[in-house]
C-alpha atoms as a PDB file:
ATOM      1  CA  MET A   1     -22.777 -29.822 174.032  1.00  0.00           C
ATOM      2  CA  ALA A   2     -26.187 -30.374 171.933  1.00  0.00           C
ATOM      3  CA  LYS A   3     -25.918 -32.295 168.421  1.00  0.00           C
ATOM      4  CA  ASN A   4     -26.542 -29.940 165.663  1.00  0.00           C
ATOM      5  CA  THR A   5     -28.661 -31.859 163.534  1.00  0.00           C
ATOM      6  CA  PHE A   6     -29.648 -31.371 160.168  1.00  0.00           C
ATOM      7  CA  ARG A   7     -33.228 -31.155 159.117  1.00  0.00           C
ATOM      8  CA  ASN A   8     -34.638 -31.247 155.395  1.00  0.00           C
ATOM      9  CA  PRO A   9     -37.020 -28.600 154.941  1.00  0.00           C
ATOM     10  CA  PRO A  10     -40.440 -29.455 154.496  1.00  0.00           C
ATOM     11  CA  PRO A  11     -42.078 -30.924 151.019  1.00  0.00           C
ATOM     12  CA  SER A  12     -43.295 -27.471 148.996  1.00  0.00           C
ATOM     13  CA  GLU A  13     -46.934 -28.087 148.381  1.00  0.00           C
ATOM     14  CA  GLU A  14     -46.460 -26.738 144.905  1.00  0.00           C
ATOM     15  CA  LYS A  15     -43.875 -28.228 142.530  1.00  0.00           C
ATOM     16  CA  THR A  16     -42.974 -26.428 139.172  1.00  0.00           C
ATOM     17  CA  GLU A  17     -43.730 -27.837 135.684  1.00  0.00           C
ATOM     18  CA  SER A  18     -40.168 -29.223 135.259  1.00  0.00           C
ATOM     19  CA  SER A  19     -40.363 -31.263 138.295  1.00  0.00           C
ATOM     20  CA  LYS A  20     -43.139 -33.116 137.612  1.00  0.00           C
ATOM     21  CA  PRO A  21     -42.265 -36.911 136.499  1.00  0.00           C
ATOM     22  CA  LYS A  22     -43.010 -37.486 132.589  1.00  0.00           C
ATOM     23  CA  MET A  23     -45.905 -39.904 131.809  1.00  0.00           C
ATOM     24  CA  SER A  24     -44.990 -43.241 129.758  1.00  0.00           C
ATOM     25  CA  LEU A  25     -46.645 -43.455 126.638  1.00  0.00           C
ATOM     26  CA  TRP A  26     -49.085 -46.417 128.560  1.00  0.00           C
ATOM     27  CA  SER A  27     -49.745 -43.597 131.043  1.00  0.00           C
ATOM     28  CA  ARG A  28     -50.750 -40.880 128.643  1.00  0.00           C
ATOM     29  CA  PHE A  29     -53.165 -43.544 126.981  1.00  0.00           C
ATOM     30  CA  LYS A  30     -54.565 -44.690 129.895  1.00  0.00           C
ATOM     31  CA  ALA A  31     -55.164 -41.133 130.980  1.00  0.00           C
ATOM     32  CA  PHE A  32     -56.851 -40.292 127.564  1.00  0.00           C
ATOM     33  CA  ARG A  33     -58.840 -43.255 127.848  1.00  0.00           C
ATOM     34  CA  GLU A  34     -59.930 -42.463 131.115  1.00  0.00           C
ATOM     35  CA  ARG A  35     -60.915 -38.621 129.907  1.00  0.00           C
ATOM     36  CA  LYS A  36     -62.711 -40.130 126.809  1.00  0.00           C
ATOM     37  CA  PRO A  37     -62.848 -43.967 126.159  1.00  0.00           C
ATOM     38  CA  ILE A  38     -61.230 -44.634 122.965  1.00  0.00           C
ATOM     39  CA  VAL A  39     -65.007 -47.179 122.020  1.00  0.00           C
ATOM     40  CA  GLN A  40     -66.822 -44.276 122.765  1.00  0.00           C
ATOM     41  CA  THR A  41     -64.618 -42.286 119.770  1.00  0.00           C
ATOM     42  CA  ILE A  42     -65.255 -45.337 117.847  1.00  0.00           C
ATOM     43  CA  LEU A  43     -69.000 -45.498 117.939  1.00  0.00           C
ATOM     44  CA  ASN A  44     -69.642 -42.025 117.826  1.00  0.00           C
ATOM     45  CA  LYS A  45     -67.352 -41.864 114.488  1.00  0.00           C
ATOM     46  CA  LEU A  46     -69.197 -44.771 113.285  1.00  0.00           C
ATOM     47  CA  PHE A  47     -72.289 -43.177 113.799  1.00  0.00           C
ATOM     48  CA  LYS A  48     -71.540 -39.888 111.964  1.00  0.00           C
ATOM     49  CA  TYR A  49     -70.360 -41.891 108.986  1.00  0.00           C
ATOM     50  CA  THR A  50     -73.418 -44.313 109.269  1.00  0.00           C
ATOM     51  CA  LEU A  51     -75.605 -40.598 109.468  1.00  0.00           C
ATOM     52  CA  TYR A  52     -73.666 -39.441 106.181  1.00  0.00           C
ATOM     53  CA  ALA A  53     -73.952 -42.485 104.342  1.00  0.00           C
ATOM     54  CA  PHE A  54     -77.642 -42.684 104.831  1.00  0.00           C
ATOM     55  CA  ILE A  55     -78.339 -39.328 103.896  1.00  0.00           C
ATOM     56  CA  THR A  56     -76.265 -39.681 100.820  1.00  0.00           C
ATOM     57  CA  SER A  57     -78.021 -42.773  99.686  1.00  0.00           C
ATOM     58  CA  ILE A  58     -81.334 -41.324  99.992  1.00  0.00           C
ATOM     59  CA  VAL A  59     -80.227 -38.127  98.162  1.00  0.00           C
ATOM     60  CA  THR A  60     -78.402 -40.359  94.917  1.00  0.00           C
ATOM     61  CA  VAL A  61     -81.665 -42.370  94.931  1.00  0.00           C
ATOM     62  CA  PHE A  62     -83.656 -38.889  94.420  1.00  0.00           C
ATOM     63  CA  ILE A  63     -81.826 -37.850  91.911  1.00  0.00           C
ATOM     64  CA  LEU A  64     -82.079 -40.649  89.785  1.00  0.00           C
ATOM     65  CA  LYS A  65     -85.453 -40.803  89.678  1.00  0.00           C
ATOM     66  CA  PHE A  66     -85.235 -37.623  87.370  1.00  0.00           C
ATOM     67  CA  VAL A  67     -81.500 -38.322  85.384  1.00  0.00           C
ATOM     68  CA  PRO A  68     -80.658 -41.063  83.246  1.00  0.00           C
ATOM     69  CA  VAL A  69     -78.481 -44.024  84.610  1.00  0.00           C
ATOM     70  CA  TRP A  70     -75.749 -43.493  82.157  1.00  0.00           C
ATOM     71  CA  VAL A  71     -73.300 -45.886  83.734  1.00  0.00           C
ATOM     72  CA  THR A  72     -73.518 -48.594  86.447  1.00  0.00           C
ATOM     73  CA  PRO A  73     -71.316 -50.985  88.681  1.00  0.00           C
ATOM     74  CA  THR A  74     -71.661 -53.594  86.043  1.00  0.00           C
ATOM     75  CA  MET A  75     -70.759 -51.749  82.809  1.00  0.00           C
ATOM     76  CA  ILE A  76     -67.335 -50.586  84.676  1.00  0.00           C
ATOM     77  CA  ASP A  77     -66.552 -53.877  85.463  1.00  0.00           C
ATOM     78  CA  ARG A  78     -66.883 -55.398  82.241  1.00  0.00           C
ATOM     79  CA  LYS A  79     -65.284 -52.662  80.776  1.00  0.00           C
ATOM     80  CA  PHE A  80     -62.199 -52.799  83.153  1.00  0.00           C
ATOM     81  CA  THR A  81     -62.206 -57.044  82.784  1.00  0.00           C
ATOM     82  CA  ALA A  82     -62.213 -56.230  78.871  1.00  0.00           C
ATOM     83  CA  LEU A  83     -59.227 -53.916  79.219  1.00  0.00           C
ATOM     84  CA  PHE A  84     -57.112 -56.260  81.478  1.00  0.00           C
ATOM     85  CA  ASN A  85     -57.470 -59.195  78.817  1.00  0.00           C
ATOM     86  CA  GLY A  86     -57.051 -57.505  75.719  1.00  0.00           C
ATOM     87  CA  LYS A  87     -60.392 -57.414  74.304  1.00  0.00           C
ATOM     88  CA  ASP A  88     -62.683 -54.975  72.831  1.00  0.00           C
ATOM     89  CA  SER A  89     -64.138 -52.614  75.655  1.00  0.00           C
ATOM     90  CA  GLU A  90     -66.431 -50.529  73.844  1.00  0.00           C
ATOM     91  CA  ILE A  91     -70.029 -50.378  75.782  1.00  0.00           C
ATOM     92  CA  TYR A  92     -73.149 -50.643  74.054  1.00  0.00           C
ATOM     93  CA  SER A  93     -76.014 -48.332  75.768  1.00  0.00           C
ATOM     94  CA  ASP A  94     -78.409 -46.246  74.758  1.00  0.00           C
ATOM     95  CA  TRP A  95     -80.923 -44.307  77.146  1.00  0.00           C
ATOM     96  CA  GLU A  96     -84.178 -44.370  76.437  1.00  0.00           C
ATOM     97  CA  SER A  97     -87.257 -42.994  78.288  1.00  0.00           C
ATOM     98  CA  TYR A  98     -90.103 -45.589  79.002  1.00  0.00           C
ATOM     99  CA  ASP A  99     -92.518 -43.816  76.427  1.00  0.00           C
ATOM    100  CA  ASN A 100     -89.874 -44.430  73.659  1.00  0.00           C
ATOM    101  CA  ILE A 101     -89.497 -48.173  74.889  1.00  0.00           C
ATOM    102  CA  SER A 102     -92.362 -50.818  72.999  1.00  0.00           C
ATOM    103  CA  LYS A 103     -94.086 -51.795  75.926  1.00  0.00           C
ATOM    104  CA  GLU A 104     -93.732 -55.114  74.556  1.00  0.00           C
ATOM    105  CA  ALA A 105     -90.393 -55.232  75.780  1.00  0.00           C
ATOM    106  CA  ALA A 106     -91.704 -54.594  79.373  1.00  0.00           C
ATOM    107  CA  LEU A 107     -93.836 -57.007  79.387  1.00  0.00           C
ATOM    108  CA  ALA A 108     -91.431 -59.510  78.088  1.00  0.00           C
ATOM    109  CA  VAL A 109     -88.834 -59.220  80.994  1.00  0.00           C
ATOM    110  CA  VAL A 110     -91.678 -58.877  83.645  1.00  0.00           C
ATOM    111  CA  ALA A 111     -93.281 -62.425  82.321  1.00  0.00           C
ATOM    112  CA  SER A 112     -89.989 -63.718  81.950  1.00  0.00           C
ATOM    113  CA  GLU A 113     -87.976 -62.412  85.401  1.00  0.00           C
ATOM    114  CA  ASP A 114     -90.899 -61.070  88.135  1.00  0.00           C
ATOM    115  CA  GLN A 115     -94.834 -61.689  87.012  1.00  0.00           C
ATOM    116  CA  LEU A 116     -95.340 -60.324  90.182  1.00  0.00           C
ATOM    117  CA  PHE A 117     -93.989 -57.432  89.878  1.00  0.00           C
ATOM    118  CA  PRO A 118     -97.107 -54.426  89.644  1.00  0.00           C
ATOM    119  CA  GLU A 119     -98.147 -56.278  92.732  1.00  0.00           C
ATOM    120  CA  HIS A 120     -95.473 -56.919  95.213  1.00  0.00           C
ATOM    121  CA  ASN A 121     -93.505 -54.153  97.555  1.00  0.00           C
ATOM    122  CA  GLY A 122     -90.090 -54.887  95.936  1.00  0.00           C
ATOM    123  CA  PHE A 123     -89.491 -58.829  97.555  1.00  0.00           C
ATOM    124  CA  ASP A 124     -91.561 -61.579  96.533  1.00  0.00           C
ATOM    125  CA  PHE A 125     -91.558 -63.549  99.674  1.00  0.00           C
ATOM    126  CA  LYS A 126     -93.012 -66.726  98.461  1.00  0.00           C
ATOM    127  CA  ALA A 127     -90.102 -67.180  95.648  1.00  0.00           C
ATOM    128  CA  MET A 128     -87.662 -66.119  98.183  1.00  0.00           C
ATOM    129  CA  TYR A 129     -88.966 -69.048 100.408  1.00  0.00           C
ATOM    130  CA  GLY A 130     -88.877 -71.444  97.548  1.00  0.00           C
ATOM    131  CA  ALA A 131     -85.413 -70.812  96.591  1.00  0.00           C
ATOM    132  CA  PHE A 132     -84.304 -70.944 100.322  1.00  0.00           C
ATOM    133  CA  ARG A 133     -85.608 -74.232 100.691  1.00  0.00           C
ATOM    134  CA  HIS A 134     -84.037 -75.331  97.213  1.00  0.00           C
ATOM    135  CA  ASN A 135     -80.632 -74.296  97.914  1.00  0.00           C
ATOM    136  CA  LEU A 136     -80.988 -75.840 101.379  1.00  0.00           C
ATOM    137  CA  ARG A 137     -80.974 -78.986  99.604  1.00  0.00           C
ATOM    138  CA  GLY A 138     -77.310 -78.502  97.992  1.00  0.00           C
ATOM    139  CA  LYS A 139     -78.645 -78.337  94.612  1.00  0.00           C
ATOM    140  CA  ARG A 140     -77.437 -75.465  92.424  1.00  0.00           C
ATOM    141  CA  ILE A 141     -78.210 -72.445  93.547  1.00  0.00           C
ATOM    142  CA  LYS A 142     -81.102 -70.816  92.613  1.00  0.00           C
ATOM    143  CA  GLY A 143     -82.179 -67.008  92.834  1.00  0.00           C
ATOM    144  CA  ALA A 144     -85.264 -65.370  93.494  1.00  0.00           C
ATOM    145  CA  SER A 145     -84.771 -61.611  92.635  1.00  0.00           C
ATOM    146  CA  THR A 146     -87.331 -59.373  91.781  1.00  0.00           C
ATOM    147  CA  ILE A 147     -87.284 -56.751  89.253  1.00  0.00           C
ATOM    148  CA  SER A 148     -86.783 -54.223  91.839  1.00  0.00           C
ATOM    149  CA  GLN A 149     -83.772 -56.128  93.616  1.00  0.00           C
ATOM    150  CA  GLN A 150     -82.149 -56.737  90.596  1.00  0.00           C
ATOM    151  CA  VAL A 151     -81.817 -52.733  90.007  1.00  0.00           C
ATOM    152  CA  ALA A 152     -80.903 -51.776  93.118  1.00  0.00           C
ATOM    153  CA  LYS A 153     -78.011 -54.303  92.443  1.00  0.00           C
ATOM    154  CA  ASN A 154     -77.359 -53.207  89.208  1.00  0.00           C
ATOM    155  CA  VAL A 155     -77.470 -49.606  89.703  1.00  0.00           C
ATOM    156  CA  PHE A 156     -76.100 -49.215  93.230  1.00  0.00           C
ATOM    157  CA  LEU A 157     -74.250 -52.358  94.338  1.00  0.00           C
ATOM    158  CA  TRP A 158     -71.714 -55.201  92.914  1.00  0.00           C
ATOM    159  CA  GLN A 159     -72.041 -58.300  91.721  1.00  0.00           C
ATOM    160  CA  GLY A 160     -71.383 -60.947  93.484  1.00  0.00           C
ATOM    161  CA  ARG A 161     -72.901 -63.232  96.289  1.00  0.00           C
ATOM    162  CA  SER A 162     -72.349 -61.817  99.970  1.00  0.00           C
ATOM    163  CA  TYR A 163     -74.620 -61.007 102.988  1.00  0.00           C
ATOM    164  CA  VAL A 164     -73.224 -57.638 103.366  1.00  0.00           C
ATOM    165  CA  ARG A 165     -74.365 -57.268  99.525  1.00  0.00           C
ATOM    166  CA  LYS A 166     -77.796 -58.546 100.067  1.00  0.00           C
ATOM    167  CA  VAL A 167     -78.689 -56.448 103.364  1.00  0.00           C
ATOM    168  CA  LEU A 168     -77.773 -53.467 101.130  1.00  0.00           C
ATOM    169  CA  GLU A 169     -80.006 -54.920  98.160  1.00  0.00           C
ATOM    170  CA  VAL A 170     -82.705 -54.877 100.385  1.00  0.00           C
ATOM    171  CA  TYR A 171     -82.239 -51.035 101.913  1.00  0.00           C
ATOM    172  CA  PHE A 172     -81.686 -49.943  98.124  1.00  0.00           C
ATOM    173  CA  THR A 173     -84.778 -51.855  96.858  1.00  0.00           C
ATOM    174  CA  PHE A 174     -87.255 -50.557  99.780  1.00  0.00           C
ATOM    175  CA  LEU A 175     -85.620 -46.696  98.563  1.00  0.00           C
ATOM    176  CA  ILE A 176     -86.647 -47.031  95.132  1.00  0.00           C
ATOM    177  CA  GLU A 177     -89.611 -48.894  95.772  1.00  0.00           C
ATOM    178  CA  VAL A 178     -90.676 -45.892  97.978  1.00  0.00           C
ATOM    179  CA  ILE A 179     -88.935 -43.211  96.065  1.00  0.00           C
ATOM    180  CA  TRP A 180     -89.277 -43.846  92.557  1.00  0.00           C
ATOM    181  CA  GLY A 181     -92.470 -46.167  91.735  1.00  0.00           C
ATOM    182  CA  LYS A 182     -92.716 -48.924  89.580  1.00  0.00           C
ATOM    183  CA  GLU A 183     -92.737 -47.149  86.318  1.00  0.00           C
ATOM    184  CA  ARG A 184     -89.068 -45.496  87.037  1.00  0.00           C
ATOM    185  CA  ILE A 185     -88.160 -48.869  88.305  1.00  0.00           C
ATOM    186  CA  LEU A 186     -88.939 -50.803  85.443  1.00  0.00           C
ATOM    187  CA  GLU A 187     -87.478 -47.990  82.802  1.00  0.00           C
ATOM    188  CA  VAL A 188     -84.231 -48.054  85.024  1.00  0.00           C
ATOM    189  CA  TYR A 189     -83.924 -51.855  84.351  1.00  0.00           C
ATOM    190  CA  LEU A 190     -85.063 -51.897  80.488  1.00  0.00           C
ATOM    191  CA  ASN A 191     -82.063 -49.186  80.223  1.00  0.00           C
ATOM    192  CA  VAL A 192     -79.483 -51.223  82.426  1.00  0.00           C
ATOM    193  CA  ALA A 193     -80.228 -55.139  82.267  1.00  0.00           C
ATOM    194  CA  GLU A 194     -77.125 -56.433  80.351  1.00  0.00           C
ATOM    195  CA  THR A 195     -78.585 -57.721  77.026  1.00  0.00           C
ATOM    196  CA  GLY A 196     -75.722 -59.316  75.610  1.00  0.00           C
ATOM    197  CA  LYS A 197     -71.633 -59.235  75.542  1.00  0.00           C
ATOM    198  CA  MET A 198     -70.828 -56.030  76.594  1.00  0.00           C
ATOM    199  CA  THR A 199     -74.242 -54.681  75.677  1.00  0.00           C
ATOM    200  CA  PHE A 200     -76.668 -52.927  78.400  1.00  0.00           C
ATOM    201  CA  GLY A 201     -80.956 -52.104  77.911  1.00  0.00           C
ATOM    202  CA  VAL A 202     -82.944 -52.847  74.921  1.00  0.00           C
ATOM    203  CA  GLU A 203     -82.487 -50.134  73.003  1.00  0.00           C
ATOM    204  CA  ALA A 204     -78.618 -51.255  72.166  1.00  0.00           C
ATOM    205  CA  ALA A 205     -79.378 -54.470  72.040  1.00  0.00           C
ATOM    206  CA  SER A 206     -82.252 -53.598  69.543  1.00  0.00           C
ATOM    207  CA  LEU A 207     -80.355 -51.492  67.215  1.00  0.00           C
ATOM    208  CA  ARG A 208     -77.598 -53.986  67.524  1.00  0.00           C
ATOM    209  CA  PHE A 209     -78.983 -57.248  67.035  1.00  0.00           C
ATOM    210  CA  TYR A 210     -82.142 -56.281  65.210  1.00  0.00           C
ATOM    211  CA  GLY A 211     -81.226 -53.373  63.272  1.00  0.00           C
ATOM    212  CA  HIS A 212     -83.908 -51.015  64.938  1.00  0.00           C
ATOM    213  CA  GLY A 213     -84.762 -49.160  67.896  1.00  0.00           C
ATOM    214  CA  ALA A 214     -86.740 -50.395  70.660  1.00  0.00           C
ATOM    215  CA  SER A 215     -89.863 -48.238  70.004  1.00  0.00           C
ATOM    216  CA  SER A 216     -90.719 -51.324  67.421  1.00  0.00           C
ATOM    217  CA  LEU A 217     -90.048 -54.108  68.973  1.00  0.00           C
ATOM    218  CA  SER A 218     -92.517 -56.731  68.019  1.00  0.00           C
ATOM    219  CA  ARG A 219     -93.612 -59.267  70.861  1.00  0.00           C
ATOM    220  CA  THR A 220     -91.238 -62.091  69.830  1.00  0.00           C
ATOM    221  CA  GLU A 221     -88.469 -59.981  69.137  1.00  0.00           C
ATOM    222  CA  ALA A 222     -88.686 -58.774  73.290  1.00  0.00           C
ATOM    223  CA  ALA A 223     -89.518 -61.776  74.460  1.00  0.00           C
ATOM    224  CA  ARG A 224     -85.891 -63.271  72.774  1.00  0.00           C
ATOM    225  CA  ILE A 225     -84.390 -60.357  74.668  1.00  0.00           C
ATOM    226  CA  ALA A 226     -86.186 -61.268  77.818  1.00  0.00           C
ATOM    227  CA  ALA A 227     -84.941 -64.800  76.932  1.00  0.00           C
ATOM    228  CA  VAL A 228     -81.532 -64.324  77.627  1.00  0.00           C
ATOM    229  CA  LEU A 229     -81.636 -62.041  80.524  1.00  0.00           C
ATOM    230  CA  PRO A 230     -80.584 -65.103  82.793  1.00  0.00           C
ATOM    231  CA  SER A 231     -77.134 -65.222  81.336  1.00  0.00           C
ATOM    232  CA  PRO A 232     -76.579 -62.441  78.536  1.00  0.00           C
ATOM    233  CA  ASN A 233     -72.858 -63.207  78.019  1.00  0.00           C
ATOM    234  CA  ARG A 234     -73.810 -67.161  77.246  1.00  0.00           C
ATOM    235  CA  PHE A 235     -76.878 -66.739  75.380  1.00  0.00           C
ATOM    236  CA  SER A 236     -77.049 -64.733  72.174  1.00  0.00           C
ATOM    237  CA  ILE A 237     -79.886 -62.961  70.588  1.00  0.00           C
ATOM    238  CA  ALA A 238     -78.763 -62.868  67.029  1.00  0.00           C
ATOM    239  CA  ASN A 239     -77.913 -66.292  67.086  1.00  0.00           C
ATOM    240  CA  PRO A 240     -80.054 -67.868  69.562  1.00  0.00           C
ATOM    241  CA  SER A 241     -79.928 -71.591  70.225  1.00  0.00           C
ATOM    242  CA  ASN A 242     -82.673 -73.977  70.396  1.00  0.00           C
ATOM    243  CA  TYR A 243     -82.706 -73.573  74.078  1.00  0.00           C
ATOM    244  CA  VAL A 244     -82.929 -69.313  73.762  1.00  0.00           C
ATOM    245  CA  GLN A 245     -85.770 -70.744  71.144  1.00  0.00           C
ATOM    246  CA  ARG A 246     -87.844 -72.718  73.089  1.00  0.00           C
ATOM    247  CA  ARG A 247     -87.426 -70.147  76.082  1.00  0.00           C
ATOM    248  CA  THR A 248     -88.384 -67.543  73.655  1.00  0.00           C
ATOM    249  CA  ASN A 249     -91.549 -69.232  73.053  1.00  0.00           C
ATOM    250  CA  PHE A 250     -92.549 -70.066  76.716  1.00  0.00           C
ATOM    251  CA  ILE A 251     -92.019 -66.192  77.289  1.00  0.00           C
ATOM    252  CA  VAL A 252     -94.645 -65.319  74.447  1.00  0.00           C
ATOM    253  CA  ARG A 253     -97.241 -67.701  75.786  1.00  0.00           C
ATOM    254  CA  GLN A 254     -96.401 -65.920  78.896  1.00  0.00           C
ATOM    255  CA  MET A 255     -97.444 -62.432  78.013  1.00  0.00           C
ATOM    256  CA  ARG A 256    -100.548 -63.539  76.148  1.00  0.00           C
ATOM    257  CA  GLY A 257    -101.402 -65.235  79.628  1.00  0.00           C
ATOM    258  CA  LEU A 258    -101.041 -62.061  81.378  1.00  0.00           C
ATOM    259  CA  GLY A 259    -103.337 -60.039  79.318  1.00  0.00           C
ATOM    260  CA  GLY A 260    -100.827 -58.236  77.041  1.00  0.00           C
ATOM    261  CA  GLN A 261     -99.660 -54.600  77.704  1.00  0.00           C
ATOM    262  CA  LYS A 262    -102.441 -54.049  79.670  1.00  0.00           C
ATOM    263  CA  TYR A 263    -100.988 -56.085  82.418  1.00  0.00           C
ATOM    264  CA  LEU A 264     -98.763 -52.987  83.166  1.00  0.00           C
ATOM    265  CA  LYS A 265    -101.022 -50.592  84.458  1.00  0.00           C
ATOM    266  CA  PHE A 266     -99.599 -49.486  87.480  1.00  0.00           C
END
């Protein structure tokens, strides 16, 4: 008598959706990575955001070629620091066009801060190399920023020292040199440079400490404003120390040595 054996039917070529084994979270991640590598995704997003930032920066610099710079990151920082410490937080700032500011003020800051300003393209490489060698010797940190670099930092960036900020400073310095030009850079500097406690720009400093506008600044008055620029929260225009007075006299001699206001013919 033949044995009656039971045989399973051959597996179906097609499985229903419900019969498929569920994928684990790790398996799904691997499948996603195989379809579209995550590194590539990150790079694509990074490129997109960098492109947006690049376009935004150019548009912003172009707009500020024509629009007054009413506020800067430094002003905001001073404001909130004063509020946090319970001190008077009023900001003294008054924008004036380049034509309405005494050229003695323009000459004074150039003589004091950056005598090669009419000639360079935003960077004084000789001064930068000298500062680099000085700093390597471990002495007090010495800067070599041009007026253009200071404007780039004051208007678009934050205070403090870091490689990231320095790279961005170089980038914005290049942009304002190309888009703004020398006169506009100097105009912005004269309006946003910190000239005293909670005081920004030569117009505000002139009104606050001399009692008249920047259009009538004398050579000595302009030189004293320039004399406090390295440390405006430490030095005083209204009550100049012996150091400020000596520095003022030095700047006046430098202004005379440069040939006066004709030196600023850009």
